[in-house]
Every structure is written in C-alpha cells, then in structure tokens.
Amino acid sequence: MGMAQVADSASIIGKSIRIGNLLVSQHDFPTQMNWDDAKAACAALGPGWRLPSIEEWDILYQNKDNIGGFVAVNYDYYWSSTEETIATIAYIFYLTGDTADVNNKASKCNVRAVRDF
C-alpha cells in the first residue's frame, strides 16, 4: 500500500465515531462510486472496514447529527452492503428522506464506511 493510500485512509477514518457496536468513519469518501468500487474502497481502509448494511443505515440515520461529515456529493444516496436477489442490484439509503431503495450496482452513490467495534 502506497503512502498516498495510507494518508487517504487516515483522512477518511479520521476520528471514528462509536454508535452502539459500530465504529463509523468520520468522513464520506470524497467521490461517488459504483457498488463494487465502494466495497473495495471500504475494505482498503483496513481490517474490518466495510459498507453498512441497510439495517445499520437506520442506526446511522438516527445518529446522523452526532456522526456528521455527510457530504452527499450530488444526492443523499448512500450504498449499503445489502444486496437484492437480482445480482446487479443493491440497496441504497436516502439520508435526507430516511428511506431505503434499490439501485443498479453500476450507478454511483455516496460511500460511508463502518466497522464492528
């Protein structure tokens, strides 16, 4: 792993926030990504970092003011790790509307990483 990647990891994780049994990265990734890239980017942060499940997004939403740092590049849609039965579809969470929906994995959405505490 190059130094740039290490610095990027540190800048994303920042001072992670503990919410229940989750650690939440302090910052969103600076760019929107497709689902596969989002999963890989979270894993590249270090051991245990991953996309939150759609159920975990409910917890993040309830604590969004404490967590902060949500930048929502274009829209407040964030990837979750929860997949649909159709292989090309995964769930997204709409932060402003407190709702879940599905999206094609090729689409680009915002990304926030979590890790079990």
PDB file of N, CA and C in Angstrom:
ATOM      1  N   MET A   1       0.855  -1.190   0.000  1.00  0.00           N
ATOM      2  CA  MET A   1       0.000   0.000   0.000  1.00  0.00           C
ATOM      3  C   MET A   1       0.891   1.241   0.000  1.00  0.00           C
ATOM      4  N   GLY A   2       0.665   2.150  -0.915  1.00  0.00           N
ATOM      5  CA  GLY A   2       1.476   3.354  -1.016  1.00  0.00           C
ATOM      6  C   GLY A   2       1.137   4.351   0.081  1.00  0.00           C
ATOM      7  N   MET A   3       2.016   5.306   0.274  1.00  0.00           N
ATOM      8  CA  MET A   3       1.796   6.318   1.308  1.00  0.00           C
ATOM      9  C   MET A   3       0.528   7.130   1.046  1.00  0.00           C
ATOM     10  N   ALA A   4       0.231   7.381  -0.217  1.00  0.00           N
ATOM     11  CA  ALA A   4      -0.970   8.165  -0.533  1.00  0.00           C
ATOM     12  C   ALA A   4      -2.218   7.431  -0.045  1.00  0.00           C
ATOM     13  N   GLN A   5      -2.240   6.107  -0.237  1.00  0.00           N
ATOM     14  CA  GLN A   5      -3.402   5.337   0.215  1.00  0.00           C
ATOM     15  C   GLN A   5      -3.524   5.367   1.737  1.00  0.00           C
ATOM     16  N   VAL A   6      -2.386   5.291   2.438  1.00  0.00           N
ATOM     17  CA  VAL A   6      -2.410   5.345   3.891  1.00  0.00           C
ATOM     18  C   VAL A   6      -2.956   6.693   4.355  1.00  0.00           C
ATOM     19  N   ALA A   7      -2.495   7.771   3.739  1.00  0.00           N
ATOM     20  CA  ALA A   7      -2.977   9.106   4.097  1.00  0.00           C
ATOM     21  C   ALA A   7      -4.472   9.226   3.801  1.00  0.00           C
ATOM     22  N   ASP A   8      -4.897   8.675   2.666  1.00  0.00           N
ATOM     23  CA  ASP A   8      -6.315   8.721   2.321  1.00  0.00           C
ATOM     24  C   ASP A   8      -7.138   7.973   3.356  1.00  0.00           C
ATOM     25  N   SER A   9      -6.663   6.796   3.770  1.00  0.00           N
ATOM     26  CA  SER A   9      -7.370   6.013   4.779  1.00  0.00           C
ATOM     27  C   SER A   9      -7.516   6.807   6.067  1.00  0.00           C
ATOM     28  N   ALA A  10      -6.423   7.418   6.499  1.00  0.00           N
ATOM     29  CA  ALA A  10      -6.456   8.203   7.735  1.00  0.00           C
ATOM     30  C   ALA A  10      -7.413   9.380   7.612  1.00  0.00           C
ATOM     31  N   SER A  11      -7.467  10.002   6.440  1.00  0.00           N
ATOM     32  CA  SER A  11      -8.341  11.162   6.278  1.00  0.00           C
ATOM     33  C   SER A  11      -9.811  10.761   6.204  1.00  0.00           C
ATOM     34  N   ILE A  12     -10.105   9.572   5.726  1.00  0.00           N
ATOM     35  CA  ILE A  12     -11.498   9.081   5.694  1.00  0.00           C
ATOM     36  C   ILE A  12     -11.928   8.635   7.092  1.00  0.00           C
ATOM     37  N   ILE A  13     -11.113   7.805   7.733  1.00  0.00           N
ATOM     38  CA  ILE A  13     -11.467   7.284   9.059  1.00  0.00           C
ATOM     39  C   ILE A  13     -11.491   8.414  10.076  1.00  0.00           C
ATOM     40  N   GLY A  14     -10.484   9.290  10.029  1.00  0.00           N
ATOM     41  CA  GLY A  14     -10.425  10.426  10.950  1.00  0.00           C
ATOM     42  C   GLY A  14     -10.574   9.971  12.385  1.00  0.00           C
ATOM     43  N   LYS A  15     -11.387  10.692  13.128  1.00  0.00           N
ATOM     44  CA  LYS A  15     -11.725  10.294  14.494  1.00  0.00           C
ATOM     45  C   LYS A  15     -13.052   9.558  14.396  1.00  0.00           C
ATOM     46  N   SER A  16     -12.978   8.246  14.230  1.00  0.00           N
ATOM     47  CA  SER A  16     -14.202   7.460  14.030  1.00  0.00           C
ATOM     48  C   SER A  16     -15.138   7.626  15.225  1.00  0.00           C
ATOM     49  N   ILE A  17     -16.428   7.518  14.940  1.00  0.00           N
ATOM     50  CA  ILE A  17     -17.474   7.744  15.928  1.00  0.00           C
ATOM     51  C   ILE A  17     -18.072   6.403  16.310  1.00  0.00           C
ATOM     52  N   ARG A  18     -18.175   6.128  17.610  1.00  0.00           N
ATOM     53  CA  ARG A  18     -18.781   4.874  18.058  1.00  0.00           C
ATOM     54  C   ARG A  18     -20.272   5.071  18.263  1.00  0.00           C
ATOM     55  N   ILE A  19     -21.048   4.242  17.577  1.00  0.00           N
ATOM     56  CA  ILE A  19     -22.510   4.230  17.716  1.00  0.00           C
ATOM     57  C   ILE A  19     -22.892   2.780  18.030  1.00  0.00           C
ATOM     58  N   GLY A  20     -23.228   2.514  19.273  1.00  0.00           N
ATOM     59  CA  GLY A  20     -23.534   1.132  19.660  1.00  0.00           C
ATOM     60  C   GLY A  20     -22.318   0.248  19.445  1.00  0.00           C
ATOM     61  N   ASN A  21     -22.499  -0.819  18.635  1.00  0.00           N
ATOM     62  CA  ASN A  21     -21.378  -1.725  18.375  1.00  0.00           C
ATOM     63  C   ASN A  21     -20.706  -1.424  17.040  1.00  0.00           C
ATOM     64  N   LEU A  22     -20.917  -0.218  16.522  1.00  0.00           N
ATOM     65  CA  LEU A  22     -20.310   0.173  15.252  1.00  0.00           C
ATOM     66  C   LEU A  22     -19.321   1.322  15.448  1.00  0.00           C
ATOM     67  N   LEU A  23     -18.243   1.276  14.682  1.00  0.00           N
ATOM     68  CA  LEU A  23     -17.384   2.445  14.505  1.00  0.00           C
ATOM     69  C   LEU A  23     -17.719   3.002  13.132  1.00  0.00           C
ATOM     70  N   VAL A  24     -17.927   4.291  13.038  1.00  0.00           N
ATOM     71  CA  VAL A  24     -18.294   4.937  11.785  1.00  0.00           C
ATOM     72  C   VAL A  24     -17.156   5.872  11.393  1.00  0.00           C
ATOM     73  N   SER A  25     -16.718   5.779  10.127  1.00  0.00           N
ATOM     74  CA  SER A  25     -15.662   6.691   9.681  1.00  0.00           C
ATOM     75  C   SER A  25     -16.149   8.128   9.841  1.00  0.00           C
ATOM     76  N   GLN A  26     -15.214   9.022  10.142  1.00  0.00           N
ATOM     77  CA  GLN A  26     -15.594  10.418  10.378  1.00  0.00           C
ATOM     78  C   GLN A  26     -16.087  11.090   9.103  1.00  0.00           C
ATOM     79  N   HIS A  27     -15.581  10.638   7.957  1.00  0.00           N
ATOM     80  CA  HIS A  27     -15.887  11.307   6.696  1.00  0.00           C
ATOM     81  C   HIS A  27     -16.412  10.337   5.643  1.00  0.00           C
ATOM     82  N   ASP A  28     -17.185  10.886   4.715  1.00  0.00           N
ATOM     83  CA  ASP A  28     -17.546  10.155   3.499  1.00  0.00           C
ATOM     84  C   ASP A  28     -16.302  10.062   2.620  1.00  0.00           C
ATOM     85  N   PHE A  29     -16.316   9.123   1.685  1.00  0.00           N
ATOM     86  CA  PHE A  29     -15.313   9.162   0.625  1.00  0.00           C
ATOM     87  C   PHE A  29     -15.603  10.404  -0.215  1.00  0.00           C
ATOM     88  N   PRO A  30     -14.577  11.045  -0.771  1.00  0.00           N
ATOM     89  CA  PRO A  30     -14.786  12.329  -1.454  1.00  0.00           C
ATOM     90  C   PRO A  30     -15.506  12.232  -2.797  1.00  0.00           C
ATOM     91  N   THR A  31     -15.586  11.044  -3.368  1.00  0.00           N
ATOM     92  CA  THR A  31     -16.267  10.893  -4.660  1.00  0.00           C
ATOM     93  C   THR A  31     -17.280   9.764  -4.575  1.00  0.00           C
ATOM     94  N   GLN A  32     -18.302   9.862  -5.406  1.00  0.00           N
ATOM     95  CA  GLN A  32     -19.273   8.785  -5.503  1.00  0.00           C
ATOM     96  C   GLN A  32     -18.650   7.618  -6.261  1.00  0.00           C
ATOM     97  N   MET A  33     -19.110   6.401  -5.970  1.00  0.00           N
ATOM     98  CA  MET A  33     -18.557   5.198  -6.589  1.00  0.00           C
ATOM     99  C   MET A  33     -19.670   4.221  -6.909  1.00  0.00           C
ATOM    100  N   ASN A  34     -19.361   3.304  -7.833  1.00  0.00           N
ATOM    101  CA  ASN A  34     -20.283   2.196  -8.039  1.00  0.00           C
ATOM    102  C   ASN A  34     -20.133   1.235  -6.856  1.00  0.00           C
ATOM    103  N   TRP A  35     -21.031   0.267  -6.756  1.00  0.00           N
ATOM    104  CA  TRP A  35     -21.103  -0.607  -5.582  1.00  0.00           C
ATOM    105  C   TRP A  35     -19.826  -1.424  -5.381  1.00  0.00           C
ATOM    106  N   ASP A  36     -19.302  -2.012  -6.446  1.00  0.00           N
ATOM    107  CA  ASP A  36     -18.090  -2.829  -6.320  1.00  0.00           C
ATOM    108  C   ASP A  36     -16.910  -1.986  -5.849  1.00  0.00           C
ATOM    109  N   ASP A  37     -16.745  -0.793  -6.419  1.00  0.00           N
ATOM    110  CA  ASP A  37     -15.663   0.095  -6.006  1.00  0.00           C
ATOM    111  C   ASP A  37     -15.861   0.555  -4.564  1.00  0.00           C
ATOM    112  N   ALA A  38     -17.107   0.786  -4.165  1.00  0.00           N
ATOM    113  CA  ALA A  38     -17.407   1.214  -2.800  1.00  0.00           C
ATOM    114  C   ALA A  38     -17.022   0.128  -1.795  1.00  0.00           C
ATOM    115  N   LYS A  39     -17.370  -1.110  -2.112  1.00  0.00           N
ATOM    116  CA  LYS A  39     -16.996  -2.225  -1.231  1.00  0.00           C
ATOM    117  C   LYS A  39     -15.479  -2.333  -1.119  1.00  0.00           C
ATOM    118  N   ALA A  40     -14.791  -2.230  -2.245  1.00  0.00           N
ATOM    119  CA  ALA A  40     -13.327  -2.347  -2.261  1.00  0.00           C
ATOM    120  C   ALA A  40     -12.674  -1.185  -1.511  1.00  0.00           C
ATOM    121  N   ALA A  41     -13.208   0.030  -1.681  1.00  0.00           N
ATOM    122  CA  ALA A  41     -12.639   1.207  -1.018  1.00  0.00           C
ATOM    123  C   ALA A  41     -12.775   1.093   0.500  1.00  0.00           C
ATOM    124  N   CYS A  42     -13.921   0.611   0.972  1.00  0.00           N
ATOM    125  CA  CYS A  42     -14.110   0.437   2.413  1.00  0.00           C
ATOM    126  C   CYS A  42     -13.139  -0.609   2.953  1.00  0.00           C
ATOM    127  N   ALA A  43     -13.022  -1.736   2.261  1.00  0.00           N
ATOM    128  CA  ALA A  43     -12.117  -2.808   2.696  1.00  0.00           C
ATOM    129  C   ALA A  43     -10.672  -2.329   2.716  1.00  0.00           C
ATOM    130  N   ALA A  44     -10.315  -1.431   1.787  1.00  0.00           N
ATOM    131  CA  ALA A  44      -8.945  -0.928   1.695  1.00  0.00           C
ATOM    132  C   ALA A  44      -8.578  -0.009   2.869  1.00  0.00           C
ATOM    133  N   LEU A  45      -9.581   0.440   3.637  1.00  0.00           N
ATOM    134  CA  LEU A  45      -9.299   1.276   4.799  1.00  0.00           C
ATOM    135  C   LEU A  45      -8.563   0.497   5.882  1.00  0.00           C
ATOM    136  N   GLY A  46      -8.729  -0.825   5.882  1.00  0.00           N
ATOM    137  CA  GLY A  46      -8.064  -1.655   6.882  1.00  0.00           C
ATOM    138  C   GLY A  46      -8.987  -2.767   7.349  1.00  0.00           C
ATOM    139  N   PRO A  47      -8.477  -3.636   8.209  1.00  0.00           N
ATOM    140  CA  PRO A  47      -9.240  -4.799   8.669  1.00  0.00           C
ATOM    141  C   PRO A  47     -10.599  -4.425   9.251  1.00  0.00           C
ATOM    142  N   GLY A  48     -11.639  -5.057   8.738  1.00  0.00           N
ATOM    143  CA  GLY A  48     -12.982  -4.892   9.284  1.00  0.00           C
ATOM    144  C   GLY A  48     -13.804  -3.763   8.698  1.00  0.00           C
ATOM    145  N   TRP A  49     -13.192  -2.809   7.991  1.00  0.00           N
ATOM    146  CA  TRP A  49     -13.968  -1.704   7.426  1.00  0.00           C
ATOM    147  C   TRP A  49     -14.796  -2.209   6.255  1.00  0.00           C
ATOM    148  N   ARG A  50     -16.044  -1.730   6.174  1.00  0.00           N
ATOM    149  CA  ARG A  50     -16.992  -2.236   5.174  1.00  0.00           C
ATOM    150  C   ARG A  50     -18.126  -1.238   4.978  1.00  0.00           C
ATOM    151  N   LEU A  51     -18.965  -1.544   3.979  1.00  0.00           N
ATOM    152  CA  LEU A  51     -20.198  -0.776   3.799  1.00  0.00           C
ATOM    153  C   LEU A  51     -21.186  -1.173   4.899  1.00  0.00           C
ATOM    154  N   PRO A  52     -21.981  -0.227   5.407  1.00  0.00           N
ATOM    155  CA  PRO A  52     -23.025  -0.595   6.368  1.00  0.00           C
ATOM    156  C   PRO A  52     -24.163  -1.340   5.678  1.00  0.00           C
ATOM    157  N   SER A  53     -24.791  -2.236   6.417  1.00  0.00           N
ATOM    158  CA  SER A  53     -25.990  -2.910   5.887  1.00  0.00           C
ATOM    159  C   SER A  53     -27.141  -1.910   5.858  1.00  0.00           C
ATOM    160  N   ILE A  54     -28.213  -2.268   5.197  1.00  0.00           N
ATOM    161  CA  ILE A  54     -29.364  -1.356   5.133  1.00  0.00           C
ATOM    162  C   ILE A  54     -29.968  -1.180   6.533  1.00  0.00           C
ATOM    163  N   GLU A  55     -29.913  -2.228   7.369  1.00  0.00           N
ATOM    164  CA  GLU A  55     -30.411  -2.115   8.748  1.00  0.00           C
ATOM    165  C   GLU A  55     -29.520  -1.169   9.558  1.00  0.00           C
ATOM    166  N   GLU A  56     -28.206  -1.237   9.331  1.00  0.00           N
ATOM    167  CA  GLU A  56     -27.296  -0.342  10.042  1.00  0.00           C
ATOM    168  C   GLU A  56     -27.500   1.109   9.627  1.00  0.00           C
ATOM    169  N   TRP A  57     -27.954   1.330   8.388  1.00  0.00           N
ATOM    170  CA  TRP A  57     -28.235   2.705   7.963  1.00  0.00           C
ATOM    171  C   TRP A  57     -29.337   3.342   8.802  1.00  0.00           C
ATOM    172  N   ASP A  58     -30.291   2.534   9.275  1.00  0.00           N
ATOM    173  CA  ASP A  58     -31.321   3.078  10.168  1.00  0.00           C
ATOM    174  C   ASP A  58     -30.672   3.652  11.432  1.00  0.00           C
ATOM    175  N   ILE A  59     -29.674   2.931  11.968  1.00  0.00           N
ATOM    176  CA  ILE A  59     -28.962   3.385  13.160  1.00  0.00           C
ATOM    177  C   ILE A  59     -28.153   4.651  12.839  1.00  0.00           C
ATOM    178  N   LEU A  60     -27.488   4.637  11.680  1.00  0.00           N
ATOM    179  CA  LEU A  60     -26.712   5.817  11.291  1.00  0.00           C
ATOM    180  C   LEU A  60     -27.626   7.027  11.127  1.00  0.00           C
ATOM    181  N   TYR A  61     -28.795   6.804  10.518  1.00  0.00           N
ATOM    182  CA  TYR A  61     -29.731   7.906  10.321  1.00  0.00           C
ATOM    183  C   TYR A  61     -30.176   8.490  11.658  1.00  0.00           C
ATOM    184  N   GLN A  62     -30.507   7.624  12.611  1.00  0.00           N
ATOM    185  CA  GLN A  62     -30.958   8.099  13.923  1.00  0.00           C
ATOM    186  C   GLN A  62     -29.871   8.899  14.636  1.00  0.00           C
ATOM    187  N   ASN A  63     -28.616   8.663  14.270  1.00  0.00           N
ATOM    188  CA  ASN A  63     -27.478   9.331  14.920  1.00  0.00           C
ATOM    189  C   ASN A  63     -26.731  10.263  13.974  1.00  0.00           C
ATOM    190  N   LYS A  64     -27.379  10.664  12.879  1.00  0.00           N
ATOM    191  CA  LYS A  64     -26.674  11.420  11.833  1.00  0.00           C
ATOM    192  C   LYS A  64     -26.103  12.739  12.335  1.00  0.00           C
ATOM    193  N   ASP A  65     -26.779  13.390  13.286  1.00  0.00           N
ATOM    194  CA  ASP A  65     -26.272  14.663  13.800  1.00  0.00           C
ATOM    195  C   ASP A  65     -25.018  14.454  14.645  1.00  0.00           C
ATOM    196  N   ASN A  66     -24.965  13.347  15.398  1.00  0.00           N
ATOM    197  CA  ASN A  66     -23.775  13.021  16.192  1.00  0.00           C
ATOM    198  C   ASN A  66     -22.623  12.580  15.302  1.00  0.00           C
ATOM    199  N   ILE A  67     -22.937  11.889  14.216  1.00  0.00           N
ATOM    200  CA  ILE A  67     -21.908  11.375  13.312  1.00  0.00           C
ATOM    201  C   ILE A  67     -21.347  12.515  12.472  1.00  0.00           C
ATOM    202  N   GLY A  68     -22.215  13.249  11.801  1.00  0.00           N
ATOM    203  CA  GLY A  68     -21.796  14.372  10.971  1.00  0.00           C
ATOM    204  C   GLY A  68     -20.920  13.950   9.800  1.00  0.00           C
ATOM    205  N   GLY A  69     -20.399  14.930   9.085  1.00  0.00           N
ATOM    206  CA  GLY A  69     -19.483  14.671   7.990  1.00  0.00           C
ATOM    207  C   GLY A  69     -20.104  14.123   6.727  1.00  0.00           C
ATOM    208  N   PHE A  70     -21.418  14.086   6.636  1.00  0.00           N
ATOM    209  CA  PHE A  70     -22.069  13.594   5.428  1.00  0.00           C
ATOM    210  C   PHE A  70     -22.017  14.687   4.375  1.00  0.00           C
ATOM    211  N   VAL A  71     -21.376  14.406   3.241  1.00  0.00           N
ATOM    212  CA  VAL A  71     -21.229  15.443   2.222  1.00  0.00           C
ATOM    213  C   VAL A  71     -22.222  15.305   1.086  1.00  0.00           C
ATOM    214  N   ALA A  72     -22.663  14.093   0.818  1.00  0.00           N
ATOM    215  CA  ALA A  72     -23.665  13.872  -0.218  1.00  0.00           C
ATOM    216  C   ALA A  72     -23.344  14.659  -1.483  1.00  0.00           C
ATOM    217  N   VAL A  73     -22.421  14.151  -2.268  1.00  0.00           N
ATOM    218  CA  VAL A  73     -21.865  14.857  -3.417  1.00  0.00           C
ATOM    219  C   VAL A  73     -22.950  15.409  -4.347  1.00  0.00           C
ATOM    220  N   ASN A  74     -23.847  14.574  -4.829  1.00  0.00           N
ATOM    221  CA  ASN A  74     -24.925  15.044  -5.705  1.00  0.00           C
ATOM    222  C   ASN A  74     -26.288  14.865  -5.053  1.00  0.00           C
ATOM    223  N   TYR A  75     -26.527  13.689  -4.557  1.00  0.00           N
ATOM    224  CA  TYR A  75     -27.779  13.382  -3.870  1.00  0.00           C
ATOM    225  C   TYR A  75     -27.424  12.688  -2.568  1.00  0.00           C
ATOM    226  N   ASP A  76     -28.344  12.605  -1.652  1.00  0.00           N
ATOM    227  CA  ASP A  76     -28.088  11.984  -0.355  1.00  0.00           C
ATOM    228  C   ASP A  76     -28.264  10.459  -0.396  1.00  0.00           C
ATOM    229  N   TYR A  77     -27.887   9.838  -1.493  1.00  0.00           N
ATOM    230  CA  TYR A  77     -27.993   8.391  -1.620  1.00  0.00           C
ATOM    231  C   TYR A  77     -26.672   7.752  -1.239  1.00  0.00           C
ATOM    232  N   TYR A  78     -26.716   6.781  -0.333  1.00  0.00           N
ATOM    233  CA  TYR A  78     -25.527   6.073   0.134  1.00  0.00           C
ATOM    234  C   TYR A  78     -25.676   4.574  -0.105  1.00  0.00           C
ATOM    235  N   TRP A  79     -24.594   3.941  -0.526  1.00  0.00           N
ATOM    236  CA  TRP A  79     -24.606   2.494  -0.719  1.00  0.00           C
ATOM    237  C   TRP A  79     -24.701   1.765   0.616  1.00  0.00           C
ATOM    238  N   SER A  80     -25.389   0.630   0.588  1.00  0.00           N
ATOM    239  CA  SER A  80     -25.356  -0.318   1.703  1.00  0.00           C
ATOM    240  C   SER A  80     -24.734  -1.606   1.176  1.00  0.00           C
ATOM    241  N   SER A  81     -24.376  -2.488   2.081  1.00  0.00           N
ATOM    242  CA  SER A  81     -23.824  -3.791   1.683  1.00  0.00           C
ATOM    243  C   SER A  81     -24.918  -4.787   1.320  1.00  0.00           C
ATOM    244  N   THR A  82     -26.165  -4.440   1.582  1.00  0.00           N
ATOM    245  CA  THR A  82     -27.293  -5.363   1.388  1.00  0.00           C
ATOM    246  C   THR A  82     -27.640  -5.488  -0.089  1.00  0.00           C
ATOM    247  N   GLU A  83     -27.588  -6.722  -0.572  1.00  0.00           N
ATOM    248  CA  GLU A  83     -27.872  -6.990  -1.981  1.00  0.00           C
ATOM    249  C   GLU A  83     -29.309  -7.466  -2.173  1.00  0.00           C
ATOM    250  N   GLU A  84     -29.833  -7.222  -3.358  1.00  0.00           N
ATOM    251  CA  GLU A  84     -31.133  -7.732  -3.769  1.00  0.00           C
ATOM    252  C   GLU A  84     -30.930  -9.140  -4.313  1.00  0.00           C
ATOM    253  N   THR A  85     -32.010  -9.838  -4.576  1.00  0.00           N
ATOM    254  CA  THR A  85     -31.901 -11.180  -5.154  1.00  0.00           C
ATOM    255  C   THR A  85     -31.381 -11.130  -6.581  1.00  0.00           C
ATOM    256  N   ILE A  86     -31.603 -10.007  -7.262  1.00  0.00           N
ATOM    257  CA  ILE A  86     -31.047  -9.808  -8.603  1.00  0.00           C
ATOM    258  C   ILE A  86     -29.589  -9.378  -8.412  1.00  0.00           C
ATOM    259  N   ALA A  87     -28.660 -10.075  -9.037  1.00  0.00           N
ATOM    260  CA  ALA A  87     -27.226  -9.891  -8.775  1.00  0.00           C
ATOM    261  C   ALA A  87     -26.716  -8.478  -9.054  1.00  0.00           C
ATOM    262  N   THR A  88     -27.383  -7.747  -9.921  1.00  0.00           N
ATOM    263  CA  THR A  88     -26.891  -6.418 -10.298  1.00  0.00           C
ATOM    264  C   THR A  88     -27.473  -5.289  -9.443  1.00  0.00           C
ATOM    265  N   ILE A  89     -28.234  -5.636  -8.398  1.00  0.00           N
ATOM    266  CA  ILE A  89     -28.958  -4.642  -7.605  1.00  0.00           C
ATOM    267  C   ILE A  89     -28.533  -4.703  -6.134  1.00  0.00           C
ATOM    268  N   ALA A  90     -28.353  -3.534  -5.529  1.00  0.00           N
ATOM    269  CA  ALA A  90     -28.085  -3.444  -4.093  1.00  0.00           C
ATOM    270  C   ALA A  90     -28.927  -2.310  -3.510  1.00  0.00           C
ATOM    271  N   TYR A  91     -29.077  -2.323  -2.191  1.00  0.00           N
ATOM    272  CA  TYR A  91     -29.866  -1.299  -1.522  1.00  0.00           C
ATOM    273  C   TYR A  91     -29.065  -0.030  -1.296  1.00  0.00           C
ATOM    274  N   ILE A  92     -29.761   1.093  -1.409  1.00  0.00           N
ATOM    275  CA  ILE A  92     -29.199   2.394  -1.074  1.00  0.00           C
ATOM    276  C   ILE A  92     -30.068   3.012   0.010  1.00  0.00           C
ATOM    277  N   PHE A  93     -29.488   3.955   0.730  1.00  0.00           N
ATOM    278  CA  PHE A  93     -30.224   4.663   1.765  1.00  0.00           C
ATOM    279  C   PHE A  93     -30.240   6.141   1.408  1.00  0.00           C
ATOM    280  N   TYR A  94     -31.407   6.735   1.447  1.00  0.00           N
ATOM    281  CA  TYR A  94     -31.582   8.153   1.146  1.00  0.00           C
ATOM    282  C   TYR A  94     -31.556   8.903   2.470  1.00  0.00           C
ATOM    283  N   LEU A  95     -30.436   9.543   2.762  1.00  0.00           N
ATOM    284  CA  LEU A  95     -30.203  10.134   4.074  1.00  0.00           C
ATOM    285  C   LEU A  95     -31.208  11.227   4.414  1.00  0.00           C
ATOM    286  N   THR A  96     -31.567  12.062   3.458  1.00  0.00           N
ATOM    287  CA  THR A  96     -32.497  13.157   3.730  1.00  0.00           C
ATOM    288  C   THR A  96     -33.912  12.631   3.964  1.00  0.00           C
ATOM    289  N   GLY A  97     -34.287  11.603   3.211  1.00  0.00           N
ATOM    290  CA  GLY A  97     -35.654  11.114   3.293  1.00  0.00           C
ATOM    291  C   GLY A  97     -35.862   9.973   4.254  1.00  0.00           C
ATOM    292  N   ASP A  98     -34.769   9.441   4.868  1.00  0.00           N
ATOM    293  CA  ASP A  98     -34.856   8.314   5.792  1.00  0.00           C
ATOM    294  C   ASP A  98     -35.581   7.143   5.144  1.00  0.00           C
ATOM    295  N   THR A  99     -35.209   6.822   3.906  1.00  0.00           N
ATOM    296  CA  THR A  99     -35.840   5.710   3.214  1.00  0.00           C
ATOM    297  C   THR A  99     -34.789   4.864   2.505  1.00  0.00           C
ATOM    298  N   ALA A 100     -35.132   3.601   2.319  1.00  0.00           N
ATOM    299  CA  ALA A 100     -34.275   2.690   1.566  1.00  0.00           C
ATOM    300  C   ALA A 100     -34.870   2.496   0.185  1.00  0.00           C
ATOM    301  N   ASP A 101     -34.024   2.185  -0.765  1.00  0.00           N
ATOM    302  CA  ASP A 101     -34.453   1.907  -2.123  1.00  0.00           C
ATOM    303  C   ASP A 101     -33.430   0.953  -2.716  1.00  0.00           C
ATOM    304  N   VAL A 102     -33.623   0.559  -3.953  1.00  0.00           N
ATOM    305  CA  VAL A 102     -32.651  -0.284  -4.632  1.00  0.00           C
ATOM    306  C   VAL A 102     -32.075   0.484  -5.814  1.00  0.00           C
ATOM    307  N   ASN A 103     -30.859   0.104  -6.196  1.00  0.00           N
ATOM    308  CA  ASN A 103     -30.195   0.788  -7.292  1.00  0.00           C
ATOM    309  C   ASN A 103     -29.307  -0.209  -8.013  1.00  0.00           C
ATOM    310  N   ASN A 104     -29.068   0.045  -9.296  1.00  0.00           N
ATOM    311  CA  ASN A 104     -28.150  -0.776 -10.062  1.00  0.00           C
ATOM    312  C   ASN A 104     -26.741  -0.564  -9.518  1.00  0.00           C
ATOM    313  N   LYS A 105     -26.000  -1.653  -9.327  1.00  0.00           N
ATOM    314  CA  LYS A 105     -24.656  -1.575  -8.747  1.00  0.00           C
ATOM    315  C   LYS A 105     -23.687  -0.752  -9.595  1.00  0.00           C
ATOM    316  N   ALA A 106     -24.006  -0.549 -10.868  1.00  0.00           N
ATOM    317  CA  ALA A 106     -23.145   0.252 -11.735  1.00  0.00           C
ATOM    318  C   ALA A 106     -23.323   1.753 -11.479  1.00  0.00           C
ATOM    319  N   SER A 107     -24.418   2.134 -10.838  1.00  0.00           N
ATOM    320  CA  SER A 107     -24.666   3.550 -10.529  1.00  0.00           C
ATOM    321  C   SER A 107     -23.679   4.034  -9.486  1.00  0.00           C
ATOM    322  N   LYS A 108     -23.508   5.347  -9.425  1.00  0.00           N
ATOM    323  CA  LYS A 108     -22.583   5.922  -8.447  1.00  0.00           C
ATOM    324  C   LYS A 108     -23.371   6.571  -7.318  1.00  0.00           C
ATOM    325  N   CYS A 109     -22.983   6.217  -6.090  1.00  0.00           N
ATOM    326  CA  CYS A 109     -23.609   6.778  -4.893  1.00  0.00           C
ATOM    327  C   CYS A 109     -22.522   7.158  -3.892  1.00  0.00           C
ATOM    328  N   ASN A 110     -22.935   7.862  -2.858  1.00  0.00           N
ATOM    329  CA  ASN A 110     -22.019   8.242  -1.788  1.00  0.00           C
ATOM    330  C   ASN A 110     -21.648   7.023  -0.953  1.00  0.00           C
ATOM    331  N   VAL A 111     -20.503   7.134  -0.254  1.00  0.00           N
ATOM    332  CA  VAL A 111     -19.977   5.990   0.491  1.00  0.00           C
ATOM    333  C   VAL A 111     -19.510   6.431   1.873  1.00  0.00           C
ATOM    334  N   ARG A 112     -19.984   5.718   2.887  1.00  0.00           N
ATOM    335  CA  ARG A 112     -19.514   5.885   4.268  1.00  0.00           C
ATOM    336  C   ARG A 112     -19.160   4.492   4.781  1.00  0.00           C
ATOM    337  N   ALA A 113     -18.041   4.381   5.477  1.00  0.00           N
ATOM    338  CA  ALA A 113     -17.552   3.082   5.948  1.00  0.00           C
ATOM    339  C   ALA A 113     -17.859   2.895   7.442  1.00  0.00           C
ATOM    340  N   VAL A 114     -18.075   1.640   7.818  1.00  0.00           N
ATOM    341  CA  VAL A 114     -18.259   1.274   9.227  1.00  0.00           C
ATOM    342  C   VAL A 114     -17.393   0.051   9.527  1.00  0.00           C
ATOM    343  N   ARG A 115     -17.228  -0.196  10.816  1.00  0.00           N
ATOM    344  CA  ARG A 115     -16.505  -1.374  11.275  1.00  0.00           C
ATOM    345  C   ARG A 115     -17.142  -1.801  12.594  1.00  0.00           C
ATOM    346  N   ASP A 116     -17.206  -3.111  12.835  1.00  0.00           N
ATOM    347  CA  ASP A 116     -17.720  -3.582  14.118  1.00  0.00           C
ATOM    348  C   ASP A 116     -16.755  -3.168  15.212  1.00  0.00           C
ATOM    349  N   PHE A 117     -17.323  -2.792  16.372  1.00  0.00           N
ATOM    350  CA  PHE A 117     -16.498  -2.349  17.486  1.00  0.00           C
ATOM    351  C   PHE A 117     -16.244  -3.513  18.418  1.00  0.00           C
TER     352      PHE A 117
END
